Amino acid sequence: MFASGCSGQAGVKYARTNANAPAEPLRWTFDTDAVDGVPPGVVVFSGAWRVHAAADAPSPPNVLCQTDAAQFPALALSDAVYADVSLAAHFKPVAGRTDQAAGLLARIQDSNNYYILRANALEQDVALFKYVDGERKGVKDVSASVPSGRWQALRFEVVGDHLRGFLADQLVIEATDSTFKAGQVGLWTKADSVSCFDDVEAKTP
């Protein structure tokens, strides 16, 4: 288990005072994006992220999937910067022998610095991490039911130094950390995870 409130130095780009969150929620359904392409505005840090057609999508016809093996496949959804944010998505762990992980990123500074809320179908847990100068540091983890091959709801709320994670609309994990004050939002997986996402929404809580 991880201890909450871990300390650590980071490449901090965004100060809380200069965050300029969009007035209206940002939504990504991927339904009008080209299949086999990367959605406009998305910046891929690592991994193979592509739009796929999916008959079982929460909102058909398309979803966004990560299908390659990398240490920590990740992307930023847009250049919008939030201090406090609620980031929600549907996710589906599809396959993976080493991991079947799906994660939401908040307060992204760059490809090496951000917070992670991660659900893992192989480990049957939900965890909070921070990625600091390219090194993943555990903040807290809890056991949770994360079925493989099923769409599920995940939500990451970051307000001040309070981090909260919701699975199926139930609060399952919370911790405090003050490393990052503001930043972009994104998606994340791990190792050989094949994971898909749909109906992503970012808004000020």
N, C-alpha and C. Protein backbone atom coordinates (compact mmCIF):
# COMPACT_ATOMS: atom_id res chain seq x y z
N MET A 1 0.85 -1.20 0.00
CA MET A 1 0.00 0.00 0.00
C MET A 1 0.88 1.24 0.00
N PHE A 2 0.35 2.31 -0.58
CA PHE A 2 1.11 3.55 -0.64
C PHE A 2 0.66 4.48 0.48
N ALA A 3 1.53 5.34 0.91
CA ALA A 3 1.19 6.35 1.91
C ALA A 3 0.76 7.62 1.20
N SER A 4 -0.25 8.29 1.74
CA SER A 4 -0.71 9.52 1.12
C SER A 4 0.21 10.67 1.49
N GLY A 5 0.14 11.73 0.64
CA GLY A 5 0.90 12.94 0.92
C GLY A 5 2.39 12.79 0.67
N CYS A 6 2.78 11.98 -0.33
CA CYS A 6 4.21 11.80 -0.63
C CYS A 6 4.79 13.11 -1.13
N SER A 7 6.04 13.34 -0.78
CA SER A 7 6.70 14.56 -1.24
C SER A 7 7.53 14.24 -2.47
N GLY A 8 7.94 15.26 -3.18
CA GLY A 8 8.78 15.03 -4.36
C GLY A 8 8.91 16.30 -5.16
N GLN A 9 10.03 16.47 -5.81
CA GLN A 9 10.26 17.62 -6.66
C GLN A 9 9.73 17.30 -8.05
N ALA A 10 9.33 18.33 -8.77
CA ALA A 10 8.76 18.11 -10.09
C ALA A 10 9.06 19.29 -10.99
N GLY A 11 8.97 19.03 -12.30
CA GLY A 11 9.07 20.10 -13.27
C GLY A 11 7.74 20.82 -13.35
N VAL A 12 7.53 21.83 -12.51
CA VAL A 12 6.24 22.51 -12.43
C VAL A 12 6.20 23.63 -13.45
N LYS A 13 5.22 23.56 -14.35
CA LYS A 13 5.08 24.55 -15.42
C LYS A 13 3.95 25.53 -15.13
N TYR A 14 2.85 25.03 -14.57
CA TYR A 14 1.66 25.85 -14.36
C TYR A 14 1.47 26.19 -12.89
N ALA A 15 1.36 27.49 -12.61
CA ALA A 15 1.05 27.94 -11.26
C ALA A 15 -0.47 28.03 -11.11
N ARG A 16 -0.94 27.85 -9.89
CA ARG A 16 -2.39 27.88 -9.66
C ARG A 16 -2.99 29.22 -10.06
N THR A 17 -2.26 30.29 -9.91
CA THR A 17 -2.80 31.62 -10.18
C THR A 17 -2.96 31.89 -11.67
N ASN A 18 -2.26 31.15 -12.55
CA ASN A 18 -2.39 31.45 -13.97
C ASN A 18 -3.25 30.43 -14.71
N ALA A 19 -3.96 29.55 -13.96
CA ALA A 19 -4.86 28.61 -14.61
C ALA A 19 -6.04 29.36 -15.22
N ASN A 20 -6.43 28.97 -16.42
CA ASN A 20 -7.53 29.63 -17.12
C ASN A 20 -8.43 28.55 -17.70
N ALA A 21 -9.26 27.98 -16.86
CA ALA A 21 -10.09 26.85 -17.28
C ALA A 21 -11.21 27.33 -18.21
N PRO A 22 -11.59 26.50 -19.18
CA PRO A 22 -12.73 26.84 -20.05
C PRO A 22 -14.00 27.04 -19.23
N ALA A 23 -14.83 27.96 -19.68
CA ALA A 23 -16.06 28.25 -18.95
C ALA A 23 -17.06 27.10 -19.06
N GLU A 24 -17.07 26.40 -20.18
CA GLU A 24 -17.99 25.29 -20.40
C GLU A 24 -17.23 23.97 -20.37
N PRO A 25 -17.90 22.87 -20.02
CA PRO A 25 -17.24 21.56 -20.04
C PRO A 25 -16.69 21.21 -21.43
N LEU A 26 -15.56 20.53 -21.46
CA LEU A 26 -15.01 20.00 -22.70
C LEU A 26 -15.36 18.52 -22.78
N ARG A 27 -15.82 18.07 -23.95
CA ARG A 27 -16.25 16.68 -24.11
C ARG A 27 -15.58 16.06 -25.33
N TRP A 28 -15.23 14.79 -25.18
CA TRP A 28 -14.64 14.02 -26.28
C TRP A 28 -15.43 12.71 -26.40
N THR A 29 -16.19 12.58 -27.49
CA THR A 29 -16.92 11.33 -27.74
C THR A 29 -16.25 10.51 -28.83
N PHE A 30 -15.38 11.16 -29.63
CA PHE A 30 -14.62 10.53 -30.71
C PHE A 30 -15.50 10.07 -31.87
N ASP A 31 -16.78 10.38 -31.84
CA ASP A 31 -17.70 9.86 -32.84
C ASP A 31 -17.57 10.53 -34.20
N THR A 32 -17.07 11.74 -34.25
CA THR A 32 -16.88 12.42 -35.53
C THR A 32 -15.41 12.42 -35.96
N ASP A 33 -14.55 11.75 -35.20
CA ASP A 33 -13.13 11.67 -35.54
C ASP A 33 -12.87 10.52 -36.50
N ALA A 34 -11.85 10.66 -37.32
CA ALA A 34 -11.52 9.65 -38.31
C ALA A 34 -11.02 8.37 -37.65
N VAL A 35 -11.61 7.24 -38.03
CA VAL A 35 -11.17 5.94 -37.52
C VAL A 35 -9.73 5.70 -37.94
N ASP A 36 -8.95 5.14 -37.01
CA ASP A 36 -7.52 4.86 -37.18
C ASP A 36 -6.65 6.11 -37.09
N GLY A 37 -7.25 7.24 -36.74
CA GLY A 37 -6.48 8.44 -36.57
C GLY A 37 -6.45 8.89 -35.12
N VAL A 38 -5.70 9.96 -34.85
CA VAL A 38 -5.64 10.58 -33.53
C VAL A 38 -6.57 11.79 -33.54
N PRO A 39 -7.41 11.95 -32.54
CA PRO A 39 -8.35 13.08 -32.53
C PRO A 39 -7.63 14.42 -32.60
N PRO A 40 -8.22 15.40 -33.25
CA PRO A 40 -7.62 16.74 -33.32
C PRO A 40 -7.39 17.31 -31.93
N GLY A 41 -6.25 17.97 -31.75
CA GLY A 41 -5.93 18.61 -30.48
C GLY A 41 -5.25 17.71 -29.47
N VAL A 42 -5.29 16.39 -29.70
CA VAL A 42 -4.65 15.44 -28.78
C VAL A 42 -3.14 15.42 -29.03
N VAL A 43 -2.37 15.43 -27.94
CA VAL A 43 -0.91 15.31 -28.02
C VAL A 43 -0.53 13.99 -27.38
N VAL A 44 -0.01 13.06 -28.18
CA VAL A 44 0.38 11.75 -27.69
C VAL A 44 1.79 11.81 -27.12
N PHE A 45 1.95 11.40 -25.86
CA PHE A 45 3.27 11.33 -25.23
C PHE A 45 3.95 10.01 -25.54
N SER A 46 3.19 8.91 -25.48
CA SER A 46 3.74 7.59 -25.77
C SER A 46 2.59 6.62 -26.01
N GLY A 47 2.89 5.50 -26.67
CA GLY A 47 1.87 4.50 -26.97
C GLY A 47 1.27 4.70 -28.34
N ALA A 48 0.36 3.80 -28.71
CA ALA A 48 -0.33 3.85 -30.00
C ALA A 48 -1.81 4.11 -29.74
N TRP A 49 -2.20 5.35 -29.82
CA TRP A 49 -3.58 5.77 -29.55
C TRP A 49 -4.29 6.01 -30.87
N ARG A 50 -5.44 5.33 -31.07
CA ARG A 50 -6.19 5.46 -32.31
C ARG A 50 -7.69 5.39 -32.03
N VAL A 51 -8.45 6.08 -32.86
CA VAL A 51 -9.90 5.98 -32.82
C VAL A 51 -10.32 4.67 -33.47
N HIS A 52 -11.22 3.92 -32.81
CA HIS A 52 -11.72 2.66 -33.33
C HIS A 52 -13.24 2.68 -33.32
N ALA A 53 -13.84 1.99 -34.31
CA ALA A 53 -15.28 1.76 -34.28
C ALA A 53 -15.57 0.65 -33.26
N ALA A 54 -16.61 0.83 -32.45
CA ALA A 54 -16.93 -0.16 -31.42
C ALA A 54 -18.44 -0.24 -31.27
N ALA A 55 -19.00 -1.40 -31.59
CA ALA A 55 -20.45 -1.58 -31.53
C ALA A 55 -20.99 -1.44 -30.12
N ASP A 56 -20.14 -1.75 -29.12
CA ASP A 56 -20.61 -1.69 -27.73
C ASP A 56 -20.22 -0.39 -27.05
N ALA A 57 -19.82 0.61 -27.81
CA ALA A 57 -19.41 1.88 -27.21
C ALA A 57 -20.54 2.49 -26.39
N PRO A 58 -20.22 3.10 -25.25
CA PRO A 58 -21.27 3.78 -24.47
C PRO A 58 -22.04 4.80 -25.30
N SER A 59 -21.33 5.50 -26.21
CA SER A 59 -22.01 6.35 -27.19
C SER A 59 -21.43 6.03 -28.56
N PRO A 60 -22.07 5.13 -29.31
CA PRO A 60 -21.56 4.70 -30.62
C PRO A 60 -21.45 5.88 -31.58
N PRO A 61 -20.58 5.76 -32.62
CA PRO A 61 -19.94 4.52 -33.05
C PRO A 61 -18.48 4.34 -32.62
N ASN A 62 -17.81 5.43 -32.13
CA ASN A 62 -16.36 5.36 -31.97
C ASN A 62 -15.90 5.46 -30.52
N VAL A 63 -14.69 4.93 -30.28
CA VAL A 63 -14.00 5.06 -29.00
C VAL A 63 -12.53 5.35 -29.30
N LEU A 64 -11.78 5.71 -28.28
CA LEU A 64 -10.33 5.91 -28.42
C LEU A 64 -9.62 4.80 -27.65
N CYS A 65 -8.71 4.09 -28.32
CA CYS A 65 -8.04 2.94 -27.70
C CYS A 65 -6.52 3.10 -27.78
N GLN A 66 -5.85 2.51 -26.79
CA GLN A 66 -4.40 2.39 -26.77
C GLN A 66 -4.09 0.90 -26.92
N THR A 67 -3.29 0.53 -27.94
CA THR A 67 -3.14 -0.88 -28.30
C THR A 67 -1.70 -1.36 -28.34
N ASP A 68 -0.75 -0.51 -28.01
CA ASP A 68 0.66 -0.90 -28.09
C ASP A 68 1.22 -1.09 -26.68
N ALA A 69 2.40 -1.71 -26.61
CA ALA A 69 3.08 -1.89 -25.32
C ALA A 69 4.13 -0.79 -25.15
N ALA A 70 4.06 -0.10 -24.02
CA ALA A 70 5.04 0.92 -23.66
C ALA A 70 5.05 0.98 -22.14
N GLN A 71 6.00 1.71 -21.58
CA GLN A 71 6.05 1.78 -20.12
C GLN A 71 4.76 2.39 -19.59
N PHE A 72 4.49 3.63 -19.98
CA PHE A 72 3.29 4.32 -19.54
C PHE A 72 2.70 5.09 -20.73
N PRO A 73 1.90 4.44 -21.58
CA PRO A 73 1.26 5.17 -22.67
C PRO A 73 0.40 6.30 -22.12
N ALA A 74 0.52 7.48 -22.71
CA ALA A 74 -0.20 8.64 -22.17
C ALA A 74 -0.41 9.69 -23.25
N LEU A 75 -1.40 10.55 -23.02
CA LEU A 75 -1.66 11.65 -23.94
C LEU A 75 -2.31 12.80 -23.19
N ALA A 76 -2.19 13.99 -23.76
CA ALA A 76 -2.94 15.17 -23.31
C ALA A 76 -4.08 15.39 -24.27
N LEU A 77 -5.27 15.62 -23.75
CA LEU A 77 -6.45 15.76 -24.59
C LEU A 77 -6.54 17.11 -25.29
N SER A 78 -6.04 18.15 -24.66
CA SER A 78 -6.07 19.48 -25.26
C SER A 78 -5.08 20.37 -24.51
N ASP A 79 -4.99 21.61 -24.93
CA ASP A 79 -4.09 22.55 -24.25
C ASP A 79 -4.80 23.34 -23.16
N ALA A 80 -6.07 23.02 -22.87
CA ALA A 80 -6.80 23.71 -21.81
C ALA A 80 -6.17 23.42 -20.46
N VAL A 81 -6.05 24.45 -19.62
CA VAL A 81 -5.41 24.33 -18.32
C VAL A 81 -6.44 24.54 -17.21
N TYR A 82 -6.46 23.60 -16.27
CA TYR A 82 -7.36 23.66 -15.13
C TYR A 82 -6.54 23.71 -13.83
N ALA A 83 -6.99 24.51 -12.86
CA ALA A 83 -6.47 24.40 -11.51
C ALA A 83 -7.26 23.30 -10.81
N ASP A 84 -8.56 23.50 -10.62
CA ASP A 84 -9.45 22.47 -10.08
C ASP A 84 -10.21 21.85 -11.24
N VAL A 85 -10.33 20.52 -11.24
CA VAL A 85 -10.96 19.85 -12.38
C VAL A 85 -11.66 18.58 -11.94
N SER A 86 -12.74 18.27 -12.65
CA SER A 86 -13.40 16.97 -12.57
C SER A 86 -13.30 16.36 -13.95
N LEU A 87 -12.56 15.25 -14.06
CA LEU A 87 -12.35 14.58 -15.33
C LEU A 87 -13.00 13.20 -15.26
N ALA A 88 -13.98 12.95 -16.14
CA ALA A 88 -14.73 11.70 -16.11
C ALA A 88 -14.63 11.01 -17.46
N ALA A 89 -14.75 9.68 -17.46
CA ALA A 89 -14.71 8.91 -18.70
C ALA A 89 -15.29 7.53 -18.46
N HIS A 90 -15.73 6.91 -19.54
CA HIS A 90 -15.98 5.48 -19.53
C HIS A 90 -14.71 4.79 -20.05
N PHE A 91 -14.36 3.67 -19.43
CA PHE A 91 -13.18 2.93 -19.88
C PHE A 91 -13.50 1.44 -19.93
N LYS A 92 -12.73 0.74 -20.77
CA LYS A 92 -12.90 -0.71 -20.91
C LYS A 92 -11.52 -1.36 -20.98
N PRO A 93 -11.14 -2.15 -19.97
CA PRO A 93 -9.90 -2.93 -20.07
C PRO A 93 -10.15 -4.10 -21.02
N VAL A 94 -9.49 -4.10 -22.16
CA VAL A 94 -9.76 -5.09 -23.20
C VAL A 94 -8.85 -6.30 -23.08
N ALA A 95 -7.55 -6.07 -22.91
CA ALA A 95 -6.59 -7.18 -22.88
C ALA A 95 -5.30 -6.70 -22.24
N GLY A 96 -4.40 -7.67 -22.00
CA GLY A 96 -3.09 -7.39 -21.43
C GLY A 96 -2.68 -8.50 -20.50
N ARG A 97 -1.50 -9.04 -20.70
CA ARG A 97 -1.01 -10.12 -19.83
C ARG A 97 -0.29 -9.57 -18.61
N THR A 98 0.39 -8.43 -18.78
CA THR A 98 1.11 -7.81 -17.67
C THR A 98 0.21 -6.86 -16.90
N ASP A 99 -0.57 -6.08 -17.63
CA ASP A 99 -1.48 -5.11 -17.02
C ASP A 99 -2.73 -4.96 -17.86
N GLN A 100 -3.82 -4.58 -17.20
CA GLN A 100 -5.04 -4.15 -17.87
C GLN A 100 -5.50 -2.89 -17.17
N ALA A 101 -4.77 -1.82 -17.44
CA ALA A 101 -4.94 -0.57 -16.70
C ALA A 101 -5.54 0.51 -17.57
N ALA A 102 -6.30 1.39 -16.94
CA ALA A 102 -6.83 2.58 -17.59
C ALA A 102 -6.75 3.72 -16.59
N GLY A 103 -6.30 4.88 -17.06
CA GLY A 103 -6.12 5.98 -16.13
C GLY A 103 -6.51 7.33 -16.69
N LEU A 104 -6.80 8.24 -15.77
CA LEU A 104 -7.08 9.63 -16.09
C LEU A 104 -5.96 10.50 -15.54
N LEU A 105 -5.57 11.49 -16.32
CA LEU A 105 -4.48 12.39 -15.93
C LEU A 105 -5.01 13.79 -15.64
N ALA A 106 -4.51 14.38 -14.57
CA ALA A 106 -4.86 15.76 -14.21
C ALA A 106 -3.58 16.54 -13.92
N ARG A 107 -3.68 17.84 -14.12
CA ARG A 107 -2.58 18.78 -13.86
C ARG A 107 -1.30 18.36 -14.58
N ILE A 108 -1.45 18.02 -15.85
CA ILE A 108 -0.29 17.69 -16.68
C ILE A 108 0.56 18.95 -16.88
N GLN A 109 1.85 18.85 -16.54
CA GLN A 109 2.80 19.92 -16.84
C GLN A 109 3.45 19.68 -18.20
N ASP A 110 3.82 18.43 -18.42
CA ASP A 110 4.45 17.98 -19.66
C ASP A 110 4.39 16.46 -19.65
N SER A 111 5.11 15.81 -20.55
CA SER A 111 5.03 14.35 -20.66
C SER A 111 5.61 13.62 -19.46
N ASN A 112 6.30 14.32 -18.57
CA ASN A 112 6.96 13.68 -17.44
C ASN A 112 6.43 14.09 -16.08
N ASN A 113 5.38 14.92 -16.04
CA ASN A 113 4.89 15.43 -14.76
C ASN A 113 3.38 15.57 -14.78
N TYR A 114 2.69 14.81 -13.90
CA TYR A 114 1.24 14.87 -13.81
C TYR A 114 0.73 13.96 -12.69
N TYR A 115 -0.57 14.08 -12.37
CA TYR A 115 -1.24 13.15 -11.46
C TYR A 115 -1.96 12.07 -12.27
N ILE A 116 -2.07 10.87 -11.69
CA ILE A 116 -2.74 9.75 -12.33
C ILE A 116 -3.77 9.14 -11.37
N LEU A 117 -4.97 8.91 -11.87
CA LEU A 117 -5.93 8.02 -11.22
C LEU A 117 -6.03 6.79 -12.10
N ARG A 118 -5.69 5.62 -11.56
CA ARG A 118 -5.60 4.40 -12.37
C ARG A 118 -6.45 3.28 -11.80
N ALA A 119 -7.23 2.62 -12.67
CA ALA A 119 -7.95 1.40 -12.33
C ALA A 119 -7.30 0.24 -13.07
N ASN A 120 -7.16 -0.92 -12.39
CA ASN A 120 -6.46 -2.05 -13.00
C ASN A 120 -7.29 -3.32 -12.82
N ALA A 121 -7.65 -3.96 -13.95
CA ALA A 121 -8.50 -5.15 -13.91
C ALA A 121 -7.73 -6.39 -13.50
N LEU A 122 -6.41 -6.43 -13.70
CA LEU A 122 -5.63 -7.59 -13.26
C LEU A 122 -5.33 -7.51 -11.77
N GLU A 123 -5.01 -6.33 -11.29
CA GLU A 123 -4.67 -6.16 -9.88
C GLU A 123 -5.90 -5.94 -9.00
N GLN A 124 -7.05 -5.65 -9.64
CA GLN A 124 -8.28 -5.39 -8.91
C GLN A 124 -8.09 -4.29 -7.85
N ASP A 125 -7.64 -3.14 -8.35
CA ASP A 125 -7.47 -2.01 -7.46
C ASP A 125 -7.58 -0.70 -8.21
N VAL A 126 -7.67 0.36 -7.43
CA VAL A 126 -7.64 1.73 -7.94
C VAL A 126 -6.53 2.45 -7.19
N ALA A 127 -5.72 3.22 -7.91
CA ALA A 127 -4.55 3.86 -7.29
C ALA A 127 -4.40 5.29 -7.74
N LEU A 128 -3.82 6.10 -6.87
CA LEU A 128 -3.40 7.46 -7.19
C LEU A 128 -1.88 7.48 -7.26
N PHE A 129 -1.37 8.08 -8.33
CA PHE A 129 0.07 8.25 -8.51
C PHE A 129 0.36 9.69 -8.88
N LYS A 130 1.62 10.06 -8.75
CA LYS A 130 2.11 11.25 -9.42
C LYS A 130 3.35 10.85 -10.21
N TYR A 131 3.46 11.39 -11.39
CA TYR A 131 4.58 11.13 -12.30
C TYR A 131 5.47 12.36 -12.22
N VAL A 132 6.62 12.22 -11.60
CA VAL A 132 7.48 13.36 -11.27
C VAL A 132 8.82 13.21 -11.98
N ASP A 133 9.08 14.11 -12.92
CA ASP A 133 10.32 14.07 -13.70
C ASP A 133 10.58 12.68 -14.28
N GLY A 134 9.51 12.07 -14.81
CA GLY A 134 9.63 10.79 -15.47
C GLY A 134 9.68 9.59 -14.56
N GLU A 135 9.39 9.77 -13.28
CA GLU A 135 9.38 8.66 -12.32
C GLU A 135 8.01 8.59 -11.64
N ARG A 136 7.38 7.41 -11.70
CA ARG A 136 6.07 7.24 -11.08
C ARG A 136 6.23 7.01 -9.58
N LYS A 137 5.47 7.79 -8.80
CA LYS A 137 5.51 7.69 -7.34
C LYS A 137 4.12 7.37 -6.82
N GLY A 138 3.99 6.34 -6.00
CA GLY A 138 2.71 5.98 -5.43
C GLY A 138 2.24 6.98 -4.39
N VAL A 139 0.97 7.36 -4.45
CA VAL A 139 0.36 8.22 -3.45
C VAL A 139 -0.54 7.38 -2.53
N LYS A 140 -1.43 6.57 -3.13
CA LYS A 140 -2.32 5.71 -2.35
C LYS A 140 -2.96 4.70 -3.28
N ASP A 141 -3.29 3.50 -2.75
CA ASP A 141 -4.06 2.54 -3.54
C ASP A 141 -5.05 1.81 -2.65
N VAL A 142 -6.13 1.31 -3.26
CA VAL A 142 -7.17 0.58 -2.55
C VAL A 142 -7.65 -0.57 -3.42
N SER A 143 -8.11 -1.65 -2.80
CA SER A 143 -8.71 -2.75 -3.54
C SER A 143 -10.07 -2.32 -4.07
N ALA A 144 -10.39 -2.77 -5.29
CA ALA A 144 -11.67 -2.43 -5.90
C ALA A 144 -11.98 -3.44 -6.99
N SER A 145 -13.25 -3.63 -7.25
CA SER A 145 -13.68 -4.52 -8.33
C SER A 145 -13.61 -3.79 -9.66
N VAL A 146 -12.72 -4.25 -10.54
CA VAL A 146 -12.53 -3.65 -11.86
C VAL A 146 -12.65 -4.77 -12.89
N PRO A 147 -13.84 -5.06 -13.40
CA PRO A 147 -14.02 -6.17 -14.33
C PRO A 147 -13.29 -5.94 -15.66
N SER A 148 -12.73 -6.99 -16.20
CA SER A 148 -12.12 -6.94 -17.52
C SER A 148 -13.20 -7.11 -18.58
N GLY A 149 -13.01 -6.43 -19.72
CA GLY A 149 -13.93 -6.60 -20.83
C GLY A 149 -15.26 -5.91 -20.68
N ARG A 150 -15.39 -4.99 -19.73
CA ARG A 150 -16.65 -4.28 -19.51
C ARG A 150 -16.42 -2.78 -19.43
N TRP A 151 -17.37 -2.02 -19.95
CA TRP A 151 -17.31 -0.57 -19.81
C TRP A 151 -17.66 -0.16 -18.39
N GLN A 152 -16.89 0.78 -17.86
CA GLN A 152 -17.06 1.25 -16.49
C GLN A 152 -16.82 2.75 -16.44
N ALA A 153 -17.33 3.40 -15.41
CA ALA A 153 -17.17 4.84 -15.25
C ALA A 153 -16.06 5.14 -14.24
N LEU A 154 -15.19 6.06 -14.62
CA LEU A 154 -14.09 6.51 -13.75
C LEU A 154 -14.10 8.02 -13.72
N ARG A 155 -13.89 8.61 -12.54
CA ARG A 155 -13.86 10.07 -12.41
C ARG A 155 -12.75 10.49 -11.47
N PHE A 156 -12.02 11.53 -11.87
CA PHE A 156 -10.90 12.05 -11.11
C PHE A 156 -11.20 13.50 -10.77
N GLU A 157 -11.31 13.80 -9.47
CA GLU A 157 -11.54 15.16 -9.03
C GLU A 157 -10.31 15.67 -8.29
N VAL A 158 -9.82 16.81 -8.73
CA VAL A 158 -8.65 17.44 -8.10
C VAL A 158 -9.04 18.87 -7.75
N VAL A 159 -9.12 19.14 -6.45
CA VAL A 159 -9.52 20.45 -5.95
C VAL A 159 -8.51 20.86 -4.88
N GLY A 160 -7.80 21.96 -5.12
CA GLY A 160 -6.74 22.34 -4.20
C GLY A 160 -5.71 21.24 -4.12
N ASP A 161 -5.41 20.77 -2.91
CA ASP A 161 -4.45 19.66 -2.76
C ASP A 161 -5.17 18.34 -2.49
N HIS A 162 -6.48 18.30 -2.75
CA HIS A 162 -7.29 17.11 -2.47
C HIS A 162 -7.52 16.33 -3.76
N LEU A 163 -7.13 15.06 -3.78
CA LEU A 163 -7.31 14.18 -4.93
C LEU A 163 -8.36 13.14 -4.57
N ARG A 164 -9.38 12.97 -5.43
CA ARG A 164 -10.43 11.98 -5.17
C ARG A 164 -10.70 11.17 -6.43
N GLY A 165 -10.88 9.86 -6.26
CA GLY A 165 -11.17 8.98 -7.38
C GLY A 165 -12.48 8.26 -7.18
N PHE A 166 -13.30 8.23 -8.23
CA PHE A 166 -14.61 7.59 -8.19
C PHE A 166 -14.66 6.47 -9.23
N LEU A 167 -15.17 5.33 -8.84
CA LEU A 167 -15.39 4.20 -9.74
C LEU A 167 -16.87 3.87 -9.69
N ALA A 168 -17.52 3.82 -10.87
CA ALA A 168 -18.96 3.59 -10.93
C ALA A 168 -19.71 4.59 -10.04
N ASP A 169 -19.25 5.84 -10.06
CA ASP A 169 -19.87 6.94 -9.30
C ASP A 169 -19.77 6.79 -7.79
N GLN A 170 -18.92 5.89 -7.32
CA GLN A 170 -18.70 5.72 -5.89
C GLN A 170 -17.28 6.19 -5.53
N LEU A 171 -17.18 7.02 -4.51
CA LEU A 171 -15.86 7.45 -4.04
C LEU A 171 -15.11 6.25 -3.49
N VAL A 172 -13.95 5.94 -4.07
CA VAL A 172 -13.19 4.77 -3.64
C VAL A 172 -11.81 5.11 -3.10
N ILE A 173 -11.31 6.33 -3.40
CA ILE A 173 -9.96 6.66 -2.97
C ILE A 173 -9.83 8.18 -2.86
N GLU A 174 -9.08 8.64 -1.86
CA GLU A 174 -8.77 10.06 -1.75
C GLU A 174 -7.47 10.24 -0.99
N ALA A 175 -6.79 11.33 -1.31
CA ALA A 175 -5.50 11.63 -0.69
C ALA A 175 -5.22 13.12 -0.88
N THR A 176 -4.15 13.60 -0.27
CA THR A 176 -3.73 14.98 -0.47
C THR A 176 -2.31 15.01 -1.01
N ASP A 177 -2.07 15.98 -1.89
CA ASP A 177 -0.74 16.19 -2.44
C ASP A 177 -0.70 17.58 -3.05
N SER A 178 0.39 18.28 -2.90
CA SER A 178 0.48 19.66 -3.36
C SER A 178 1.57 19.87 -4.40
N THR A 179 2.00 18.81 -5.06
CA THR A 179 3.09 18.92 -6.03
C THR A 179 2.72 19.80 -7.21
N PHE A 180 1.54 19.55 -7.81
CA PHE A 180 1.12 20.29 -8.99
C PHE A 180 -0.09 21.16 -8.66
N LYS A 181 -0.09 22.39 -9.18
CA LYS A 181 -1.14 23.36 -8.84
C LYS A 181 -2.19 23.48 -9.93
N ALA A 182 -1.83 23.22 -11.17
CA ALA A 182 -2.74 23.35 -12.31
C ALA A 182 -2.11 22.61 -13.49
N GLY A 183 -2.89 22.38 -14.53
CA GLY A 183 -2.34 21.73 -15.71
C GLY A 183 -3.41 21.20 -16.64
N GLN A 184 -2.99 20.50 -17.66
CA GLN A 184 -3.88 19.93 -18.66
C GLN A 184 -4.44 18.59 -18.17
N VAL A 185 -5.35 18.01 -18.96
CA VAL A 185 -5.95 16.71 -18.63
C VAL A 185 -5.65 15.72 -19.75
N GLY A 186 -5.69 14.41 -19.40
CA GLY A 186 -5.37 13.42 -20.41
C GLY A 186 -5.76 12.01 -19.99
N LEU A 187 -5.26 11.03 -20.77
CA LEU A 187 -5.54 9.62 -20.56
C LEU A 187 -4.24 8.85 -20.47
N TRP A 188 -4.32 7.63 -19.89
CA TRP A 188 -3.09 6.89 -19.53
C TRP A 188 -3.39 5.40 -19.50
N THR A 189 -2.41 4.58 -19.84
CA THR A 189 -2.48 3.15 -19.58
C THR A 189 -1.09 2.70 -19.12
N LYS A 190 -0.88 1.39 -19.02
CA LYS A 190 0.40 0.88 -18.55
C LYS A 190 0.79 -0.39 -19.30
N ALA A 191 2.08 -0.49 -19.61
CA ALA A 191 2.68 -1.71 -20.15
C ALA A 191 1.94 -2.20 -21.39
N ASP A 192 1.45 -3.46 -21.36
CA ASP A 192 0.79 -4.04 -22.53
C ASP A 192 -0.72 -3.90 -22.48
N SER A 193 -1.23 -3.00 -21.67
CA SER A 193 -2.69 -2.82 -21.57
C SER A 193 -3.27 -2.40 -22.91
N VAL A 194 -4.31 -3.10 -23.32
CA VAL A 194 -5.16 -2.64 -24.42
C VAL A 194 -6.42 -2.10 -23.75
N SER A 195 -6.57 -0.79 -23.78
CA SER A 195 -7.66 -0.13 -23.07
C SER A 195 -8.34 0.88 -23.97
N CYS A 196 -9.66 1.01 -23.82
CA CYS A 196 -10.43 1.95 -24.63
C CYS A 196 -11.16 2.94 -23.73
N PHE A 197 -11.43 4.12 -24.29
CA PHE A 197 -12.08 5.20 -23.56
C PHE A 197 -13.19 5.80 -24.42
N ASP A 198 -14.23 6.31 -23.75
CA ASP A 198 -15.32 6.97 -24.44
C ASP A 198 -15.94 8.00 -23.51
N ASP A 199 -16.64 8.96 -24.11
CA ASP A 199 -17.40 9.96 -23.35
C ASP A 199 -16.57 10.62 -22.25
N VAL A 200 -15.45 11.19 -22.65
CA VAL A 200 -14.58 11.89 -21.70
C VAL A 200 -15.09 13.31 -21.52
N GLU A 201 -15.12 13.78 -20.27
CA GLU A 201 -15.57 15.13 -20.00
C GLU A 201 -14.69 15.78 -18.95
N ALA A 202 -14.26 17.00 -19.21
CA ALA A 202 -13.50 17.78 -18.24
C ALA A 202 -14.27 19.06 -17.93
N LYS A 203 -14.37 19.38 -16.64
CA LYS A 203 -15.07 20.60 -16.25
C LYS A 203 -14.56 21.07 -14.89
N THR A 204 -14.83 22.31 -14.59
CA THR A 204 -14.52 22.86 -13.28
C THR A 204 -15.55 22.34 -12.29
N PRO A 205 -15.12 21.71 -11.17
CA PRO A 205 -16.09 21.15 -10.22
C PRO A 205 -16.87 22.23 -9.49
